[in-house]
Amino acid sequence: MKADTPPSVTTVPLYQVKAEFFKTLAHPVRIRVLELLSERDHAVSEILPEVGVEAAHLSQQLAVLRRGNLVAARREGATVLYSLTSPEVADLLRVARSILGGVITGRTELLEGLLARD
């Protein structure tokens, strides 16, 4: 294999593939879009007011999610609807919320313990 040839998928360690997957998620707009699509399919015009970014920026973030195979687009007339490619994406967001709830609770308890010492 040439030095400038990217490794095939079969030679990339799973942990590296997972890291790339999480990088795809690592943007607040992308997370918000996935949360919205966890509820139901949405048109871009419905997503825009919910994420509070310019249309061009939303388009870029949707492209990242499409390349990561997390969302799919389909045309219905003049409207493009986005949907999750798998219901497991919504499950992942729920698990992340649960984990964060525990982390925040732990931090709150730590802070309360620190403040109680004064």
PDB file of N, CA and C in Angstrom:
ATOM      1  N   MET A   1       0.857  -1.171   0.000  1.00  0.00           N
ATOM      2  CA  MET A   1       0.000   0.000   0.000  1.00  0.00           C
ATOM      3  C   MET A   1       0.898   1.227   0.000  1.00  0.00           C
ATOM      4  N   LYS A   2       0.550   2.207  -0.836  1.00  0.00           N
ATOM      5  CA  LYS A   2       1.315   3.449  -0.902  1.00  0.00           C
ATOM      6  C   LYS A   2       1.135   4.244   0.382  1.00  0.00           C
ATOM      7  N   ALA A   3       2.111   5.110   0.668  1.00  0.00           N
ATOM      8  CA  ALA A   3       2.060   5.918   1.890  1.00  0.00           C
ATOM      9  C   ALA A   3       0.892   6.893   1.870  1.00  0.00           C
ATOM     10  N   ASP A   4       0.489   7.361   0.690  1.00  0.00           N
ATOM     11  CA  ASP A   4      -0.595   8.340   0.623  1.00  0.00           C
ATOM     12  C   ASP A   4      -1.972   7.699   0.456  1.00  0.00           C
ATOM     13  N   THR A   5      -2.044   6.386   0.441  1.00  0.00           N
ATOM     14  CA  THR A   5      -3.309   5.680   0.329  1.00  0.00           C
ATOM     15  C   THR A   5      -3.921   5.512   1.709  1.00  0.00           C
ATOM     16  N   PRO A   6      -5.188   5.958   1.883  1.00  0.00           N
ATOM     17  CA  PRO A   6      -5.802   5.786   3.207  1.00  0.00           C
ATOM     18  C   PRO A   6      -6.018   4.316   3.520  1.00  0.00           C
ATOM     19  N   PRO A   7      -5.963   3.949   4.785  1.00  0.00           N
ATOM     20  CA  PRO A   7      -6.171   2.542   5.142  1.00  0.00           C
ATOM     21  C   PRO A   7      -7.600   2.125   4.817  1.00  0.00           C
ATOM     22  N   SER A   8      -7.784   0.864   4.494  1.00  0.00           N
ATOM     23  CA  SER A   8      -9.137   0.382   4.241  1.00  0.00           C
ATOM     24  C   SER A   8      -9.876   0.293   5.570  1.00  0.00           C
ATOM     25  N   VAL A   9     -11.185   0.223   5.468  1.00  0.00           N
ATOM     26  CA  VAL A   9     -12.012   0.156   6.678  1.00  0.00           C
ATOM     27  C   VAL A   9     -11.643  -1.063   7.519  1.00  0.00           C
ATOM     28  N   THR A  10     -11.265  -2.132   6.882  1.00  0.00           N
ATOM     29  CA  THR A  10     -10.963  -3.353   7.627  1.00  0.00           C
ATOM     30  C   THR A  10      -9.655  -3.251   8.406  1.00  0.00           C
ATOM     31  N   THR A  11      -8.777  -2.301   8.061  1.00  0.00           N
ATOM     32  CA  THR A  11      -7.515  -2.173   8.784  1.00  0.00           C
ATOM     33  C   THR A  11      -7.576  -1.113   9.870  1.00  0.00           C
ATOM     34  N   VAL A  12      -8.659  -0.365   9.953  1.00  0.00           N
ATOM     35  CA  VAL A  12      -8.802   0.676  10.967  1.00  0.00           C
ATOM     36  C   VAL A  12      -9.358   0.043  12.236  1.00  0.00           C
ATOM     37  N   PRO A  13      -8.691   0.240  13.374  1.00  0.00           N
ATOM     38  CA  PRO A  13      -9.205  -0.328  14.631  1.00  0.00           C
ATOM     39  C   PRO A  13     -10.601   0.217  14.958  1.00  0.00           C
ATOM     40  N   LEU A  14     -11.414  -0.611  15.560  1.00  0.00           N
ATOM     41  CA  LEU A  14     -12.778  -0.231  15.900  1.00  0.00           C
ATOM     42  C   LEU A  14     -12.809   1.012  16.782  1.00  0.00           C
ATOM     43  N   TYR A  15     -11.878   1.134  17.722  1.00  0.00           N
ATOM     44  CA  TYR A  15     -11.881   2.308  18.596  1.00  0.00           C
ATOM     45  C   TYR A  15     -11.671   3.589  17.795  1.00  0.00           C
ATOM     46  N   GLN A  16     -10.926   3.507  16.708  1.00  0.00           N
ATOM     47  CA  GLN A  16     -10.721   4.686  15.872  1.00  0.00           C
ATOM     48  C   GLN A  16     -11.998   5.033  15.101  1.00  0.00           C
ATOM     49  N   VAL A  17     -12.691   4.024  14.618  1.00  0.00           N
ATOM     50  CA  VAL A  17     -13.969   4.236  13.934  1.00  0.00           C
ATOM     51  C   VAL A  17     -14.981   4.846  14.909  1.00  0.00           C
ATOM     52  N   LYS A  18     -14.986   4.358  16.142  1.00  0.00           N
ATOM     53  CA  LYS A  18     -15.878   4.919  17.161  1.00  0.00           C
ATOM     54  C   LYS A  18     -15.551   6.379  17.429  1.00  0.00           C
ATOM     55  N   ALA A  19     -14.271   6.699  17.514  1.00  0.00           N
ATOM     56  CA  ALA A  19     -13.852   8.083  17.749  1.00  0.00           C
ATOM     57  C   ALA A  19     -14.347   8.984  16.624  1.00  0.00           C
ATOM     58  N   GLU A  20     -14.244   8.522  15.389  1.00  0.00           N
ATOM     59  CA  GLU A  20     -14.736   9.311  14.250  1.00  0.00           C
ATOM     60  C   GLU A  20     -16.252   9.490  14.346  1.00  0.00           C
ATOM     61  N   PHE A  21     -16.941   8.445  14.772  1.00  0.00           N
ATOM     62  CA  PHE A  21     -18.391   8.527  14.954  1.00  0.00           C
ATOM     63  C   PHE A  21     -18.739   9.611  15.970  1.00  0.00           C
ATOM     64  N   PHE A  22     -18.049   9.606  17.106  1.00  0.00           N
ATOM     65  CA  PHE A  22     -18.336  10.608  18.130  1.00  0.00           C
ATOM     66  C   PHE A  22     -17.925  12.008  17.688  1.00  0.00           C
ATOM     67  N   LYS A  23     -16.913  12.120  16.839  1.00  0.00           N
ATOM     68  CA  LYS A  23     -16.563  13.429  16.280  1.00  0.00           C
ATOM     69  C   LYS A  23     -17.711  13.966  15.427  1.00  0.00           C
ATOM     70  N   THR A  24     -18.382  13.070  14.732  1.00  0.00           N
ATOM     71  CA  THR A  24     -19.534  13.482  13.930  1.00  0.00           C
ATOM     72  C   THR A  24     -20.623  14.083  14.814  1.00  0.00           C
ATOM     73  N   LEU A  25     -20.750  13.581  16.009  1.00  0.00           N
ATOM     74  CA  LEU A  25     -21.757  14.083  16.950  1.00  0.00           C
ATOM     75  C   LEU A  25     -21.313  15.358  17.663  1.00  0.00           C
ATOM     76  N   ALA A  26     -20.044  15.669  17.619  1.00  0.00           N
ATOM     77  CA  ALA A  26     -19.439  16.680  18.484  1.00  0.00           C
ATOM     78  C   ALA A  26     -19.672  18.113  18.026  1.00  0.00           C
ATOM     79  N   HIS A  27     -20.936  18.492  17.898  1.00  0.00           N
ATOM     80  CA  HIS A  27     -21.282  19.874  17.593  1.00  0.00           C
ATOM     81  C   HIS A  27     -22.689  20.127  18.120  1.00  0.00           C
ATOM     82  N   PRO A  28     -22.906  21.238  18.819  1.00  0.00           N
ATOM     83  CA  PRO A  28     -24.227  21.489  19.416  1.00  0.00           C
ATOM     84  C   PRO A  28     -25.367  21.528  18.394  1.00  0.00           C
ATOM     85  N   VAL A  29     -25.127  22.084  17.221  1.00  0.00           N
ATOM     86  CA  VAL A  29     -26.186  22.140  16.211  1.00  0.00           C
ATOM     87  C   VAL A  29     -26.539  20.728  15.753  1.00  0.00           C
ATOM     88  N   ARG A  30     -25.538  19.886  15.567  1.00  0.00           N
ATOM     89  CA  ARG A  30     -25.806  18.515  15.131  1.00  0.00           C
ATOM     90  C   ARG A  30     -26.590  17.748  16.188  1.00  0.00           C
ATOM     91  N   ILE A  31     -26.219  17.942  17.444  1.00  0.00           N
ATOM     92  CA  ILE A  31     -26.957  17.272  18.531  1.00  0.00           C
ATOM     93  C   ILE A  31     -28.406  17.745  18.545  1.00  0.00           C
ATOM     94  N   ARG A  32     -28.615  19.054  18.419  1.00  0.00           N
ATOM     95  CA  ARG A  32     -29.988  19.586  18.441  1.00  0.00           C
ATOM     96  C   ARG A  32     -30.792  19.049  17.266  1.00  0.00           C
ATOM     97  N   VAL A  33     -30.183  18.981  16.086  1.00  0.00           N
ATOM     98  CA  VAL A  33     -30.875  18.433  14.913  1.00  0.00           C
ATOM     99  C   VAL A  33     -31.269  16.984  15.182  1.00  0.00           C
ATOM    100  N   LEU A  34     -30.363  16.205  15.728  1.00  0.00           N
ATOM    101  CA  LEU A  34     -30.672  14.809  16.022  1.00  0.00           C
ATOM    102  C   LEU A  34     -31.779  14.692  17.063  1.00  0.00           C
ATOM    103  N   GLU A  35     -31.767  15.579  18.055  1.00  0.00           N
ATOM    104  CA  GLU A  35     -32.859  15.577  19.041  1.00  0.00           C
ATOM    105  C   GLU A  35     -34.198  15.837  18.361  1.00  0.00           C
ATOM    106  N   LEU A  36     -34.239  16.828  17.478  1.00  0.00           N
ATOM    107  CA  LEU A  36     -35.482  17.137  16.773  1.00  0.00           C
ATOM    108  C   LEU A  36     -35.938  15.966  15.911  1.00  0.00           C
ATOM    109  N   LEU A  37     -34.989  15.360  15.214  1.00  0.00           N
ATOM    110  CA  LEU A  37     -35.339  14.238  14.343  1.00  0.00           C
ATOM    111  C   LEU A  37     -35.691  12.987  15.142  1.00  0.00           C
ATOM    112  N   SER A  38     -35.315  12.950  16.418  1.00  0.00           N
ATOM    113  CA  SER A  38     -35.714  11.834  17.283  1.00  0.00           C
ATOM    114  C   SER A  38     -37.217  11.857  17.532  1.00  0.00           C
ATOM    115  N   GLU A  39     -37.801  13.049  17.434  1.00  0.00           N
ATOM    116  CA  GLU A  39     -39.245  13.201  17.656  1.00  0.00           C
ATOM    117  C   GLU A  39     -40.042  12.816  16.411  1.00  0.00           C
ATOM    118  N   ARG A  40     -39.555  13.308  15.246  1.00  0.00           N
ATOM    119  CA  ARG A  40     -40.234  13.049  13.965  1.00  0.00           C
ATOM    120  C   ARG A  40     -39.372  13.609  12.841  1.00  0.00           C
ATOM    121  N   ASP A  41     -39.731  13.287  11.613  1.00  0.00           N
ATOM    122  CA  ASP A  41     -39.037  13.851  10.464  1.00  0.00           C
ATOM    123  C   ASP A  41     -39.323  15.353  10.396  1.00  0.00           C
ATOM    124  N   HIS A  42     -38.331  16.109   9.926  1.00  0.00           N
ATOM    125  CA  HIS A  42     -38.472  17.566   9.831  1.00  0.00           C
ATOM    126  C   HIS A  42     -37.952  18.078   8.498  1.00  0.00           C
ATOM    127  N   ALA A  43     -38.580  19.148   8.031  1.00  0.00           N
ATOM    128  CA  ALA A  43     -38.065  19.902   6.896  1.00  0.00           C
ATOM    129  C   ALA A  43     -37.049  20.911   7.438  1.00  0.00           C
ATOM    130  N   VAL A  44     -36.147  21.342   6.573  1.00  0.00           N
ATOM    131  CA  VAL A  44     -35.144  22.325   6.983  1.00  0.00           C
ATOM    132  C   VAL A  44     -35.830  23.570   7.548  1.00  0.00           C
ATOM    133  N   SER A  45     -36.926  23.985   6.939  1.00  0.00           N
ATOM    134  CA  SER A  45     -37.632  25.185   7.400  1.00  0.00           C
ATOM    135  C   SER A  45     -38.156  25.031   8.826  1.00  0.00           C
ATOM    136  N   GLU A  46     -38.388  23.800   9.266  1.00  0.00           N
ATOM    137  CA  GLU A  46     -38.821  23.552  10.644  1.00  0.00           C
ATOM    138  C   GLU A  46     -37.630  23.501  11.598  1.00  0.00           C
ATOM    139  N   ILE A  47     -36.497  23.049  11.088  1.00  0.00           N
ATOM    140  CA  ILE A  47     -35.304  22.910  11.931  1.00  0.00           C
ATOM    141  C   ILE A  47     -34.664  24.262  12.203  1.00  0.00           C
ATOM    142  N   LEU A  48     -34.631  25.119  11.185  1.00  0.00           N
ATOM    143  CA  LEU A  48     -33.929  26.413  11.298  1.00  0.00           C
ATOM    144  C   LEU A  48     -34.294  27.214  12.547  1.00  0.00           C
ATOM    145  N   PRO A  49     -35.569  27.468  12.809  1.00  0.00           N
ATOM    146  CA  PRO A  49     -35.879  28.283  14.001  1.00  0.00           C
ATOM    147  C   PRO A  49     -35.518  27.605  15.319  1.00  0.00           C
ATOM    148  N   GLU A  50     -35.419  26.279  15.295  1.00  0.00           N
ATOM    149  CA  GLU A  50     -35.106  25.526  16.510  1.00  0.00           C
ATOM    150  C   GLU A  50     -33.615  25.545  16.848  1.00  0.00           C
ATOM    151  N   VAL A  51     -32.769  25.712  15.838  1.00  0.00           N
ATOM    152  CA  VAL A  51     -31.326  25.669  16.088  1.00  0.00           C
ATOM    153  C   VAL A  51     -30.698  27.051  16.120  1.00  0.00           C
ATOM    154  N   GLY A  52     -31.374  28.053  15.528  1.00  0.00           N
ATOM    155  CA  GLY A  52     -30.902  29.432  15.632  1.00  0.00           C
ATOM    156  C   GLY A  52     -29.604  29.729  14.905  1.00  0.00           C
ATOM    157  N   VAL A  53     -29.394  29.107  13.750  1.00  0.00           N
ATOM    158  CA  VAL A  53     -28.216  29.394  12.941  1.00  0.00           C
ATOM    159  C   VAL A  53     -28.672  29.771  11.534  1.00  0.00           C
ATOM    160  N   GLU A  54     -27.747  30.305  10.756  1.00  0.00           N
ATOM    161  CA  GLU A  54     -28.039  30.639   9.369  1.00  0.00           C
ATOM    162  C   GLU A  54     -28.298  29.358   8.569  1.00  0.00           C
ATOM    163  N   ALA A  55     -29.055  29.487   7.505  1.00  0.00           N
ATOM    164  CA  ALA A  55     -29.395  28.340   6.669  1.00  0.00           C
ATOM    165  C   ALA A  55     -28.147  27.646   6.124  1.00  0.00           C
ATOM    166  N   ALA A  56     -27.147  28.418   5.719  1.00  0.00           N
ATOM    167  CA  ALA A  56     -25.919  27.827   5.170  1.00  0.00           C
ATOM    168  C   ALA A  56     -25.198  26.987   6.223  1.00  0.00           C
ATOM    169  N   HIS A  57     -25.178  27.468   7.471  1.00  0.00           N
ATOM    170  CA  HIS A  57     -24.522  26.720   8.552  1.00  0.00           C
ATOM    171  C   HIS A  57     -25.290  25.430   8.843  1.00  0.00           C
ATOM    172  N   LEU A  58     -26.609  25.514   8.870  1.00  0.00           N
ATOM    173  CA  LEU A  58     -27.418  24.310   9.088  1.00  0.00           C
ATOM    174  C   LEU A  58     -27.179  23.310   7.960  1.00  0.00           C
ATOM    175  N   SER A  59     -27.111  23.802   6.745  1.00  0.00           N
ATOM    176  CA  SER A  59     -26.861  22.922   5.605  1.00  0.00           C
ATOM    177  C   SER A  59     -25.529  22.186   5.766  1.00  0.00           C
ATOM    178  N   GLN A  60     -24.510  22.882   6.224  1.00  0.00           N
ATOM    179  CA  GLN A  60     -23.206  22.252   6.453  1.00  0.00           C
ATOM    180  C   GLN A  60     -23.308  21.161   7.514  1.00  0.00           C
ATOM    181  N   GLN A  61     -24.020  21.452   8.587  1.00  0.00           N
ATOM    182  CA  GLN A  61     -24.140  20.478   9.681  1.00  0.00           C
ATOM    183  C   GLN A  61     -24.956  19.265   9.241  1.00  0.00           C
ATOM    184  N   LEU A  62     -25.994  19.500   8.448  1.00  0.00           N
ATOM    185  CA  LEU A  62     -26.771  18.375   7.920  1.00  0.00           C
ATOM    186  C   LEU A  62     -25.916  17.519   6.990  1.00  0.00           C
ATOM    187  N   ALA A  63     -25.046  18.149   6.235  1.00  0.00           N
ATOM    188  CA  ALA A  63     -24.155  17.396   5.346  1.00  0.00           C
ATOM    189  C   ALA A  63     -23.220  16.496   6.146  1.00  0.00           C
ATOM    190  N   VAL A  64     -22.715  16.995   7.273  1.00  0.00           N
ATOM    191  CA  VAL A  64     -21.857  16.174   8.135  1.00  0.00           C
ATOM    192  C   VAL A  64     -22.639  14.971   8.652  1.00  0.00           C
ATOM    193  N   LEU A  65     -23.869  15.201   9.074  1.00  0.00           N
ATOM    194  CA  LEU A  65     -24.700  14.109   9.585  1.00  0.00           C
ATOM    195  C   LEU A  65     -25.052  13.114   8.480  1.00  0.00           C
ATOM    196  N   ARG A  66     -25.263  13.597   7.267  1.00  0.00           N
ATOM    197  CA  ARG A  66     -25.527  12.683   6.137  1.00  0.00           C
ATOM    198  C   ARG A  66     -24.288  11.849   5.828  1.00  0.00           C
ATOM    199  N   ARG A  67     -23.105  12.503   5.778  1.00  0.00           N
ATOM    200  CA  ARG A  67     -21.864  11.753   5.512  1.00  0.00           C
ATOM    201  C   ARG A  67     -21.612  10.702   6.586  1.00  0.00           C
ATOM    202  N   GLY A  68     -22.000  11.007   7.817  1.00  0.00           N
ATOM    203  CA  GLY A  68     -21.854  10.047   8.909  1.00  0.00           C
ATOM    204  C   GLY A  68     -22.950   8.998   8.930  1.00  0.00           C
ATOM    205  N   ASN A  69     -23.861   9.076   7.972  1.00  0.00           N
ATOM    206  CA  ASN A  69     -24.970   8.136   7.852  1.00  0.00           C
ATOM    207  C   ASN A  69     -25.872   8.135   9.087  1.00  0.00           C
ATOM    208  N   LEU A  70     -26.013   9.300   9.705  1.00  0.00           N
ATOM    209  CA  LEU A  70     -26.905   9.426  10.855  1.00  0.00           C
ATOM    210  C   LEU A  70     -28.272   9.956  10.456  1.00  0.00           C
ATOM    211  N   VAL A  71     -28.326  10.722   9.368  1.00  0.00           N
ATOM    212  CA  VAL A  71     -29.594  11.234   8.857  1.00  0.00           C
ATOM    213  C   VAL A  71     -29.685  10.948   7.365  1.00  0.00           C
ATOM    214  N   ALA A  72     -30.915  10.912   6.903  1.00  0.00           N
ATOM    215  CA  ALA A  72     -31.193  10.733   5.479  1.00  0.00           C
ATOM    216  C   ALA A  72     -32.156  11.826   5.050  1.00  0.00           C
ATOM    217  N   ALA A  73     -32.063  12.194   3.793  1.00  0.00           N
ATOM    218  CA  ALA A  73     -32.953  13.214   3.229  1.00  0.00           C
ATOM    219  C   ALA A  73     -33.804  12.571   2.144  1.00  0.00           C
ATOM    220  N   ARG A  74     -35.051  13.008   2.084  1.00  0.00           N
ATOM    221  CA  ARG A  74     -35.925  12.574   1.000  1.00  0.00           C
ATOM    222  C   ARG A  74     -36.778  13.765   0.566  1.00  0.00           C
ATOM    223  N   ARG A  75     -37.089  13.794  -0.701  1.00  0.00           N
ATOM    224  CA  ARG A  75     -37.854  14.902  -1.251  1.00  0.00           C
ATOM    225  C   ARG A  75     -39.325  14.516  -1.312  1.00  0.00           C
ATOM    226  N   GLU A  76     -40.156  15.427  -0.827  1.00  0.00           N
ATOM    227  CA  GLU A  76     -41.607  15.306  -0.973  1.00  0.00           C
ATOM    228  C   GLU A  76     -42.085  16.593  -1.610  1.00  0.00           C
ATOM    229  N   GLY A  77     -42.286  16.553  -2.911  1.00  0.00           N
ATOM    230  CA  GLY A  77     -42.629  17.765  -3.650  1.00  0.00           C
ATOM    231  C   GLY A  77     -41.444  18.707  -3.641  1.00  0.00           C
ATOM    232  N   ALA A  78     -41.680  19.938  -3.193  1.00  0.00           N
ATOM    233  CA  ALA A  78     -40.611  20.932  -3.131  1.00  0.00           C
ATOM    234  C   ALA A  78     -39.875  20.905  -1.788  1.00  0.00           C
ATOM    235  N   THR A  79     -40.319  20.050  -0.888  1.00  0.00           N
ATOM    236  CA  THR A  79     -39.768  20.009   0.466  1.00  0.00           C
ATOM    237  C   THR A  79     -38.802  18.838   0.622  1.00  0.00           C
ATOM    238  N   VAL A  80     -37.686  19.105   1.280  1.00  0.00           N
ATOM    239  CA  VAL A  80     -36.742  18.043   1.629  1.00  0.00           C
ATOM    240  C   VAL A  80     -36.944  17.735   3.111  1.00  0.00           C
ATOM    241  N   LEU A  81     -37.279  16.485   3.394  1.00  0.00           N
ATOM    242  CA  LEU A  81     -37.479  16.048   4.775  1.00  0.00           C
ATOM    243  C   LEU A  81     -36.269  15.253   5.233  1.00  0.00           C
ATOM    244  N   TYR A  82     -35.868  15.497   6.467  1.00  0.00           N
ATOM    245  CA  TYR A  82     -34.755  14.766   7.073  1.00  0.00           C
ATOM    246  C   TYR A  82     -35.298  13.818   8.117  1.00  0.00           C
ATOM    247  N   SER A  83     -34.640  12.669   8.234  1.00  0.00           N
ATOM    248  CA  SER A  83     -35.028  11.675   9.233  1.00  0.00           C
ATOM    249  C   SER A  83     -33.772  10.976   9.733  1.00  0.00           C
ATOM    250  N   LEU A  84     -33.899  10.347  10.888  1.00  0.00           N
ATOM    251  CA  LEU A  84     -32.802   9.535  11.410  1.00  0.00           C
ATOM    252  C   LEU A  84     -32.689   8.269  10.573  1.00  0.00           C
ATOM    253  N   THR A  85     -31.477   7.802  10.385  1.00  0.00           N
ATOM    254  CA  THR A  85     -31.286   6.553   9.653  1.00  0.00           C
ATOM    255  C   THR A  85     -31.564   5.339  10.527  1.00  0.00           C
ATOM    256  N   SER A  86     -31.559   5.542  11.841  1.00  0.00           N
ATOM    257  CA  SER A  86     -31.784   4.437  12.765  1.00  0.00           C
ATOM    258  C   SER A  86     -32.403   4.970  14.055  1.00  0.00           C
ATOM    259  N   PRO A  87     -33.386   4.267  14.606  1.00  0.00           N
ATOM    260  CA  PRO A  87     -33.950   4.697  15.890  1.00  0.00           C
ATOM    261  C   PRO A  87     -32.924   4.614  17.026  1.00  0.00           C
ATOM    262  N   GLU A  88     -31.844   3.871  16.801  1.00  0.00           N
ATOM    263  CA  GLU A  88     -30.806   3.758  17.829  1.00  0.00           C
ATOM    264  C   GLU A  88     -30.089   5.078  18.080  1.00  0.00           C
ATOM    265  N   VAL A  89     -30.142   5.986  17.109  1.00  0.00           N
ATOM    266  CA  VAL A  89     -29.566   7.325  17.322  1.00  0.00           C
ATOM    267  C   VAL A  89     -30.330   8.021  18.446  1.00  0.00           C
ATOM    268  N   ALA A  90     -31.647   7.910  18.423  1.00  0.00           N
ATOM    269  CA  ALA A  90     -32.466   8.495  19.495  1.00  0.00           C
ATOM    270  C   ALA A  90     -32.154   7.818  20.825  1.00  0.00           C
ATOM    271  N   ASP A  91     -31.935   6.509  20.800  1.00  0.00           N
ATOM    272  CA  ASP A  91     -31.566   5.779  22.015  1.00  0.00           C
ATOM    273  C   ASP A  91     -30.244   6.303  22.564  1.00  0.00           C
ATOM    274  N   LEU A  92     -29.282   6.521  21.669  1.00  0.00           N
ATOM    275  CA  LEU A  92     -27.981   7.040  22.083  1.00  0.00           C
ATOM    276  C   LEU A  92     -28.121   8.398  22.761  1.00  0.00           C
ATOM    277  N   LEU A  93     -28.958   9.257  22.222  1.00  0.00           N
ATOM    278  CA  LEU A  93     -29.166  10.575  22.827  1.00  0.00           C
ATOM    279  C   LEU A  93     -29.809  10.450  24.214  1.00  0.00           C
ATOM    280  N   ARG A  94     -30.733   9.499  24.353  1.00  0.00           N
ATOM    281  CA  ARG A  94     -31.362   9.281  25.669  1.00  0.00           C
ATOM    282  C   ARG A  94     -30.334   8.770  26.683  1.00  0.00           C
ATOM    283  N   VAL A  95     -29.480   7.854  26.263  1.00  0.00           N
ATOM    284  CA  VAL A  95     -28.439   7.329  27.149  1.00  0.00           C
ATOM    285  C   VAL A  95     -27.471   8.445  27.536  1.00  0.00           C
ATOM    286  N   ALA A  96     -27.096   9.277  26.576  1.00  0.00           N
ATOM    287  CA  ALA A  96     -26.194  10.400  26.868  1.00  0.00           C
ATOM    288  C   ALA A  96     -26.823  11.334  27.889  1.00  0.00           C
ATOM    289  N   ARG A  97     -28.116  11.594  27.756  1.00  0.00           N
ATOM    290  CA  ARG A  97     -28.814  12.467  28.712  1.00  0.00           C
ATOM    291  C   ARG A  97     -28.788  11.844  30.106  1.00  0.00           C
ATOM    292  N   SER A  98     -28.997  10.549  30.180  1.00  0.00           N
ATOM    293  CA  SER A  98     -28.973   9.851  31.457  1.00  0.00           C
ATOM    294  C   SER A  98     -27.585   9.919  32.092  1.00  0.00           C
ATOM    295  N   ILE A  99     -26.555   9.674  31.296  1.00  0.00           N
ATOM    296  CA  ILE A  99     -25.178   9.742  31.801  1.00  0.00           C
ATOM    297  C   ILE A  99     -24.878  11.145  32.303  1.00  0.00           C
ATOM    298  N   LEU A 100     -25.239  12.151  31.508  1.00  0.00           N
ATOM    299  CA  LEU A 100     -24.983  13.538  31.913  1.00  0.00           C
ATOM    300  C   LEU A 100     -25.736  13.905  33.186  1.00  0.00           C
ATOM    301  N   GLY A 101     -26.936  13.355  33.328  1.00  0.00           N
ATOM    302  CA  GLY A 101     -27.687  13.594  34.565  1.00  0.00           C
ATOM    303  C   GLY A 101     -26.922  13.095  35.777  1.00  0.00           C
ATOM    304  N   GLY A 102     -26.329  11.915  35.652  1.00  0.00           N
ATOM    305  CA  GLY A 102     -25.523  11.367  36.748  1.00  0.00           C
ATOM    306  C   GLY A 102     -24.272  12.184  37.003  1.00  0.00           C
ATOM    307  N   VAL A 103     -23.627  12.631  35.930  1.00  0.00           N
ATOM    308  CA  VAL A 103     -22.414  13.448  36.074  1.00  0.00           C
ATOM    309  C   VAL A 103     -22.748  14.760  36.780  1.00  0.00           C
ATOM    310  N   ILE A 104     -23.815  15.393  36.347  1.00  0.00           N
ATOM    311  CA  ILE A 104     -24.199  16.673  36.946  1.00  0.00           C
ATOM    312  C   ILE A 104     -24.593  16.480  38.398  1.00  0.00           C
ATOM    313  N   THR A 105     -25.318  15.406  38.694  1.00  0.00           N
ATOM    314  CA  THR A 105     -25.693  15.125  40.081  1.00  0.00           C
ATOM    315  C   THR A 105     -24.443  14.932  40.932  1.00  0.00           C
ATOM    316  N   GLY A 106     -23.477  14.189  40.403  1.00  0.00           N
ATOM    317  CA  GLY A 106     -22.230  13.973  41.137  1.00  0.00           C
ATOM    318  C   GLY A 106     -21.491  15.275  41.382  1.00  0.00           C
ATOM    319  N   ARG A 107     -21.465  16.149  40.400  1.00  0.00           N
ATOM    320  CA  ARG A 107     -20.800  17.443  40.559  1.00  0.00           C
ATOM    321  C   ARG A 107     -21.531  18.313  41.567  1.00  0.00           C
ATOM    322  N   THR A 108     -22.859  18.251  41.536  1.00  0.00           N
ATOM    323  CA  THR A 108     -23.649  19.033  42.484  1.00  0.00           C
ATOM    324  C   THR A 108     -23.371  18.566  43.910  1.00  0.00           C
ATOM    325  N   GLU A 109     -23.327  17.249  44.095  1.00  0.00           N
ATOM    326  CA  GLU A 109     -23.043  16.702  45.423  1.00  0.00           C
ATOM    327  C   GLU A 109     -21.639  17.090  45.871  1.00  0.00           C
ATOM    328  N   LEU A 110     -20.676  17.064  44.962  1.00  0.00           N
ATOM    329  CA  LEU A 110     -19.313  17.472  45.286  1.00  0.00           C
ATOM    330  C   LEU A 110     -19.281  18.933  45.680  1.00  0.00           C
ATOM    331  N   LEU A 111     -19.951  19.775  44.919  1.00  0.00           N
ATOM    332  CA  LEU A 111     -19.993  21.208  45.219  1.00  0.00           C
ATOM    333  C   LEU A 111     -20.651  21.455  46.576  1.00  0.00           C
ATOM    334  N   GLU A 112     -21.760  20.764  46.831  1.00  0.00           N
ATOM    335  CA  GLU A 112     -22.426  20.921  48.120  1.00  0.00           C
ATOM    336  C   GLU A 112     -21.519  20.497  49.267  1.00  0.00           C
ATOM    337  N   GLY A 113     -20.759  19.420  49.059  1.00  0.00           N
ATOM    338  CA  GLY A 113     -19.822  18.956  50.076  1.00  0.00           C
ATOM    339  C   GLY A 113     -18.716  19.973  50.311  1.00  0.00           C
ATOM    340  N   LEU A 114     -18.214  20.566  49.235  1.00  0.00           N
ATOM    341  CA  LEU A 114     -17.170  21.592  49.374  1.00  0.00           C
ATOM    342  C   LEU A 114     -17.696  22.822  50.099  1.00  0.00           C
ATOM    343  N   LEU A 115     -18.901  23.238  49.759  1.00  0.00           N
ATOM    344  CA  LEU A 115     -19.480  24.427  50.377  1.00  0.00           C
ATOM    345  C   LEU A 115     -19.815  24.174  51.855  1.00  0.00           C
ATOM    346  N   ALA A 116     -20.183  22.948  52.198  1.00  0.00           N
ATOM    347  CA  ALA A 116     -20.543  22.615  53.576  1.00  0.00           C
ATOM    348  C   ALA A 116     -19.340  22.687  54.505  1.00  0.00           C
ATOM    349  N   ARG A 117     -18.152  22.572  53.966  1.00  0.00           N
ATOM    350  CA  ARG A 117     -16.937  22.616  54.777  1.00  0.00           C
ATOM    351  C   ARG A 117     -16.563  24.023  55.198  1.00  0.00           C
ATOM    352  N   ASP A 118     -17.074  25.013  54.513  1.00  0.00           N
ATOM    353  CA  ASP A 118     -16.722  26.399  54.856  1.00  0.00           C
ATOM    354  C   ASP A 118     -17.498  26.930  56.015  1.00  0.00           C
TER     355      ASP A 118
END
